[in-house]
Amino acid sequence: MEEMVGRCDTCGKTIYCLDGFLNGVHTDSGSLQCFQCYEADTKKEN
């Protein structure tokens, strides 16, 4: 089952819930990001 959750706050890519698993990251600051943008932001911080 695939259900749209929202869009990545960084790039605008559509993020889905796939069989109960979020296909992205809900950050501590409350934003929704795809895995690619989240990884890029994490690398910037380190």
PDB file of N, CA and C in Angstrom:
ATOM      1  N   MET A   1       0.847  -1.176   0.000  1.00  0.00           N
ATOM      2  CA  MET A   1       0.000   0.000   0.000  1.00  0.00           C
ATOM      3  C   MET A   1       0.896   1.243   0.000  1.00  0.00           C
ATOM      4  N   GLU A   2       0.501   2.229  -0.766  1.00  0.00           N
ATOM      5  CA  GLU A   2       1.280   3.458  -0.896  1.00  0.00           C
ATOM      6  C   GLU A   2       0.361   4.647  -0.657  1.00  0.00           C
ATOM      7  N   GLU A   3       0.744   5.520   0.288  1.00  0.00           N
ATOM      8  CA  GLU A   3      -0.065   6.690   0.604  1.00  0.00           C
ATOM      9  C   GLU A   3       0.828   7.915   0.673  1.00  0.00           C
ATOM     10  N   MET A   4       0.437   8.978  -0.047  1.00  0.00           N
ATOM     11  CA  MET A   4       1.216  10.205  -0.027  1.00  0.00           C
ATOM     12  C   MET A   4       1.148  10.851   1.346  1.00  0.00           C
ATOM     13  N   VAL A   5       2.327  11.210   1.884  1.00  0.00           N
ATOM     14  CA  VAL A   5       2.400  11.840   3.194  1.00  0.00           C
ATOM     15  C   VAL A   5       2.577  13.346   3.042  1.00  0.00           C
ATOM     16  N   GLY A   6       3.425  13.747   2.119  1.00  0.00           N
ATOM     17  CA  GLY A   6       3.690  15.161   1.909  1.00  0.00           C
ATOM     18  C   GLY A   6       4.834  15.345   0.931  1.00  0.00           C
ATOM     19  N   ARG A   7       5.436  16.525   0.955  1.00  0.00           N
ATOM     20  CA  ARG A   7       6.551  16.837   0.069  1.00  0.00           C
ATOM     21  C   ARG A   7       7.769  17.217   0.902  1.00  0.00           C
ATOM     22  N   CYS A   8       8.941  16.900   0.352  1.00  0.00           N
ATOM     23  CA  CYS A   8      10.200  17.254   1.008  1.00  0.00           C
ATOM     24  C   CYS A   8      10.278  18.771   1.121  1.00  0.00           C
ATOM     25  N   ASP A   9      10.582  19.267   2.307  1.00  0.00           N
ATOM     26  CA  ASP A   9      10.676  20.710   2.533  1.00  0.00           C
ATOM     27  C   ASP A   9      11.876  21.325   1.821  1.00  0.00           C
ATOM     28  N   THR A  10      12.829  20.508   1.406  1.00  0.00           N
ATOM     29  CA  THR A  10      14.030  21.016   0.743  1.00  0.00           C
ATOM     30  C   THR A  10      13.884  21.016  -0.774  1.00  0.00           C
ATOM     31  N   CYS A  11      13.532  19.871  -1.361  1.00  0.00           N
ATOM     32  CA  CYS A  11      13.511  19.763  -2.829  1.00  0.00           C
ATOM     33  C   CYS A  11      12.113  19.628  -3.419  1.00  0.00           C
ATOM     34  N   GLY A  12      11.110  19.348  -2.617  1.00  0.00           N
ATOM     35  CA  GLY A  12       9.742  19.236  -3.112  1.00  0.00           C
ATOM     36  C   GLY A  12       9.331  17.856  -3.595  1.00  0.00           C
ATOM     37  N   LYS A  13      10.224  16.866  -3.467  1.00  0.00           N
ATOM     38  CA  LYS A  13       9.906  15.498  -3.893  1.00  0.00           C
ATOM     39  C   LYS A  13       8.760  14.942  -3.045  1.00  0.00           C
ATOM     40  N   THR A  14       7.859  14.206  -3.680  1.00  0.00           N
ATOM     41  CA  THR A  14       6.739  13.595  -2.971  1.00  0.00           C
ATOM     42  C   THR A  14       7.240  12.458  -2.084  1.00  0.00           C
ATOM     43  N   ILE A  15       6.785  12.439  -0.833  1.00  0.00           N
ATOM     44  CA  ILE A  15       7.182  11.413   0.126  1.00  0.00           C
ATOM     45  C   ILE A  15       5.953  10.576   0.451  1.00  0.00           C
ATOM     46  N   TYR A  16       6.143   9.261   0.416  1.00  0.00           N
ATOM     47  CA  TYR A  16       5.053   8.317   0.620  1.00  0.00           C
ATOM     48  C   TYR A  16       5.269   7.488   1.875  1.00  0.00           C
ATOM     49  N   CYS A  17       4.176   6.943   2.385  1.00  0.00           N
ATOM     50  CA  CYS A  17       4.205   5.906   3.393  1.00  0.00           C
ATOM     51  C   CYS A  17       4.025   4.600   2.619  1.00  0.00           C
ATOM     52  N   LEU A  18       5.024   3.727   2.689  1.00  0.00           N
ATOM     53  CA  LEU A  18       4.996   2.471   1.941  1.00  0.00           C
ATOM     54  C   LEU A  18       4.820   1.310   2.908  1.00  0.00           C
ATOM     55  N   ASP A  19       3.646   0.714   2.902  1.00  0.00           N
ATOM     56  CA  ASP A  19       3.330  -0.415   3.779  1.00  0.00           C
ATOM     57  C   ASP A  19       3.657  -0.131   5.242  1.00  0.00           C
ATOM     58  N   GLY A  20       3.367   1.088   5.691  1.00  0.00           N
ATOM     59  CA  GLY A  20       3.577   1.452   7.093  1.00  0.00           C
ATOM     60  C   GLY A  20       4.925   2.063   7.399  1.00  0.00           C
ATOM     61  N   PHE A  21       5.783   2.220   6.404  1.00  0.00           N
ATOM     62  CA  PHE A  21       7.115   2.799   6.616  1.00  0.00           C
ATOM     63  C   PHE A  21       7.230   4.112   5.864  1.00  0.00           C
ATOM     64  N   LEU A  22       7.640   5.169   6.556  1.00  0.00           N
ATOM     65  CA  LEU A  22       7.816   6.481   5.956  1.00  0.00           C
ATOM     66  C   LEU A  22       9.020   6.457   5.027  1.00  0.00           C
ATOM     67  N   ASN A  23       8.823   6.852   3.790  1.00  0.00           N
ATOM     68  CA  ASN A  23       9.894   6.868   2.792  1.00  0.00           C
ATOM     69  C   ASN A  23      10.592   8.225   2.822  1.00  0.00           C
ATOM     70  N   GLY A  24      11.017   8.634   4.013  1.00  0.00           N
ATOM     71  CA  GLY A  24      11.677   9.908   4.239  1.00  0.00           C
ATOM     72  C   GLY A  24      11.963  10.055   5.722  1.00  0.00           C
ATOM     73  N   VAL A  25      12.233  11.296   6.131  1.00  0.00           N
ATOM     74  CA  VAL A  25      12.601  11.543   7.527  1.00  0.00           C
ATOM     75  C   VAL A  25      11.793  12.725   8.059  1.00  0.00           C
ATOM     76  N   HIS A  26      11.208  12.539   9.229  1.00  0.00           N
ATOM     77  CA  HIS A  26      10.559  13.638   9.949  1.00  0.00           C
ATOM     78  C   HIS A  26      11.582  14.114  10.972  1.00  0.00           C
ATOM     79  N   THR A  27      12.143  15.295  10.770  1.00  0.00           N
ATOM     80  CA  THR A  27      13.249  15.774  11.603  1.00  0.00           C
ATOM     81  C   THR A  27      12.758  16.294  12.953  1.00  0.00           C
ATOM     82  N   ASP A  28      13.708  16.497  13.872  1.00  0.00           N
ATOM     83  CA  ASP A  28      13.380  17.025  15.194  1.00  0.00           C
ATOM     84  C   ASP A  28      12.777  18.425  15.113  1.00  0.00           C
ATOM     85  N   SER A  29      13.157  19.182  14.081  1.00  0.00           N
ATOM     86  CA  SER A  29      12.631  20.539  13.922  1.00  0.00           C
ATOM     87  C   SER A  29      11.232  20.549  13.308  1.00  0.00           C
ATOM     88  N   GLY A  30      10.721  19.367  12.942  1.00  0.00           N
ATOM     89  CA  GLY A  30       9.365  19.260  12.427  1.00  0.00           C
ATOM     90  C   GLY A  30       9.251  19.275  10.913  1.00  0.00           C
ATOM     91  N   SER A  31      10.375  19.312  10.212  1.00  0.00           N
ATOM     92  CA  SER A  31      10.307  19.308   8.754  1.00  0.00           C
ATOM     93  C   SER A  31      10.280  17.882   8.216  1.00  0.00           C
ATOM     94  N   LEU A  32       9.830  17.745   6.986  1.00  0.00           N
ATOM     95  CA  LEU A  32       9.767  16.464   6.305  1.00  0.00           C
ATOM     96  C   LEU A  32      10.771  16.509   5.163  1.00  0.00           C
ATOM     97  N   GLN A  33      11.694  15.548   5.129  1.00  0.00           N
ATOM     98  CA  GLN A  33      12.719  15.524   4.096  1.00  0.00           C
ATOM     99  C   GLN A  33      12.826  14.138   3.483  1.00  0.00           C
ATOM    100  N   CYS A  34      13.171  14.113   2.174  1.00  0.00           N
ATOM    101  CA  CYS A  34      13.475  12.838   1.533  1.00  0.00           C
ATOM    102  C   CYS A  34      14.833  12.372   2.057  1.00  0.00           C
ATOM    103  N   PHE A  35      15.150  11.106   1.836  1.00  0.00           N
ATOM    104  CA  PHE A  35      16.410  10.566   2.345  1.00  0.00           C
ATOM    105  C   PHE A  35      17.627  11.285   1.767  1.00  0.00           C
ATOM    106  N   GLN A  36      17.580  11.652   0.482  1.00  0.00           N
ATOM    107  CA  GLN A  36      18.726  12.295  -0.157  1.00  0.00           C
ATOM    108  C   GLN A  36      19.020  13.656   0.467  1.00  0.00           C
ATOM    109  N   CYS A  37      18.006  14.468   0.679  1.00  0.00           N
ATOM    110  CA  CYS A  37      18.196  15.796   1.281  1.00  0.00           C
ATOM    111  C   CYS A  37      18.616  15.677   2.743  1.00  0.00           C
ATOM    112  N   TYR A  38      18.050  14.712   3.447  1.00  0.00           N
ATOM    113  CA  TYR A  38      18.413  14.517   4.852  1.00  0.00           C
ATOM    114  C   TYR A  38      19.892  14.136   4.973  1.00  0.00           C
ATOM    115  N   GLU A  39      20.353  13.224   4.125  1.00  0.00           N
ATOM    116  CA  GLU A  39      21.758  12.824   4.143  1.00  0.00           C
ATOM    117  C   GLU A  39      22.667  13.998   3.804  1.00  0.00           C
ATOM    118  N   ALA A  40      22.283  14.807   2.819  1.00  0.00           N
ATOM    119  CA  ALA A  40      23.089  15.968   2.426  1.00  0.00           C
ATOM    120  C   ALA A  40      23.169  16.966   3.583  1.00  0.00           C
ATOM    121  N   ASP A  41      22.053  17.221   4.268  1.00  0.00           N
ATOM    122  CA  ASP A  41      22.051  18.146   5.407  1.00  0.00           C
ATOM    123  C   ASP A  41      22.879  17.598   6.564  1.00  0.00           C
ATOM    124  N   THR A  42      22.811  16.305   6.798  1.00  0.00           N
ATOM    125  CA  THR A  42      23.572  15.676   7.873  1.00  0.00           C
ATOM    126  C   THR A  42      25.079  15.795   7.606  1.00  0.00           C
ATOM    127  N   LYS A  43      25.485  15.606   6.354  1.00  0.00           N
ATOM    128  CA  LYS A  43      26.902  15.721   6.001  1.00  0.00           C
ATOM    129  C   LYS A  43      27.387  17.145   6.160  1.00  0.00           C
ATOM    130  N   LYS A  44      26.536  18.149   5.888  1.00  0.00           N
ATOM    131  CA  LYS A  44      26.888  19.565   6.054  1.00  0.00           C
ATOM    132  C   LYS A  44      27.167  19.887   7.522  1.00  0.00           C
ATOM    133  N   GLU A  45      26.373  19.288   8.417  1.00  0.00           N
ATOM    134  CA  GLU A  45      26.503  19.555   9.851  1.00  0.00           C
ATOM    135  C   GLU A  45      27.791  18.970  10.422  1.00  0.00           C
ATOM    136  N   ASN A  46      28.259  17.889   9.861  1.00  0.00           N
ATOM    137  CA  ASN A  46      29.457  17.218  10.397  1.00  0.00           C
ATOM    138  C   ASN A  46      30.635  17.747   9.721  1.00  0.00           C
TER     139      ASN A  46
END
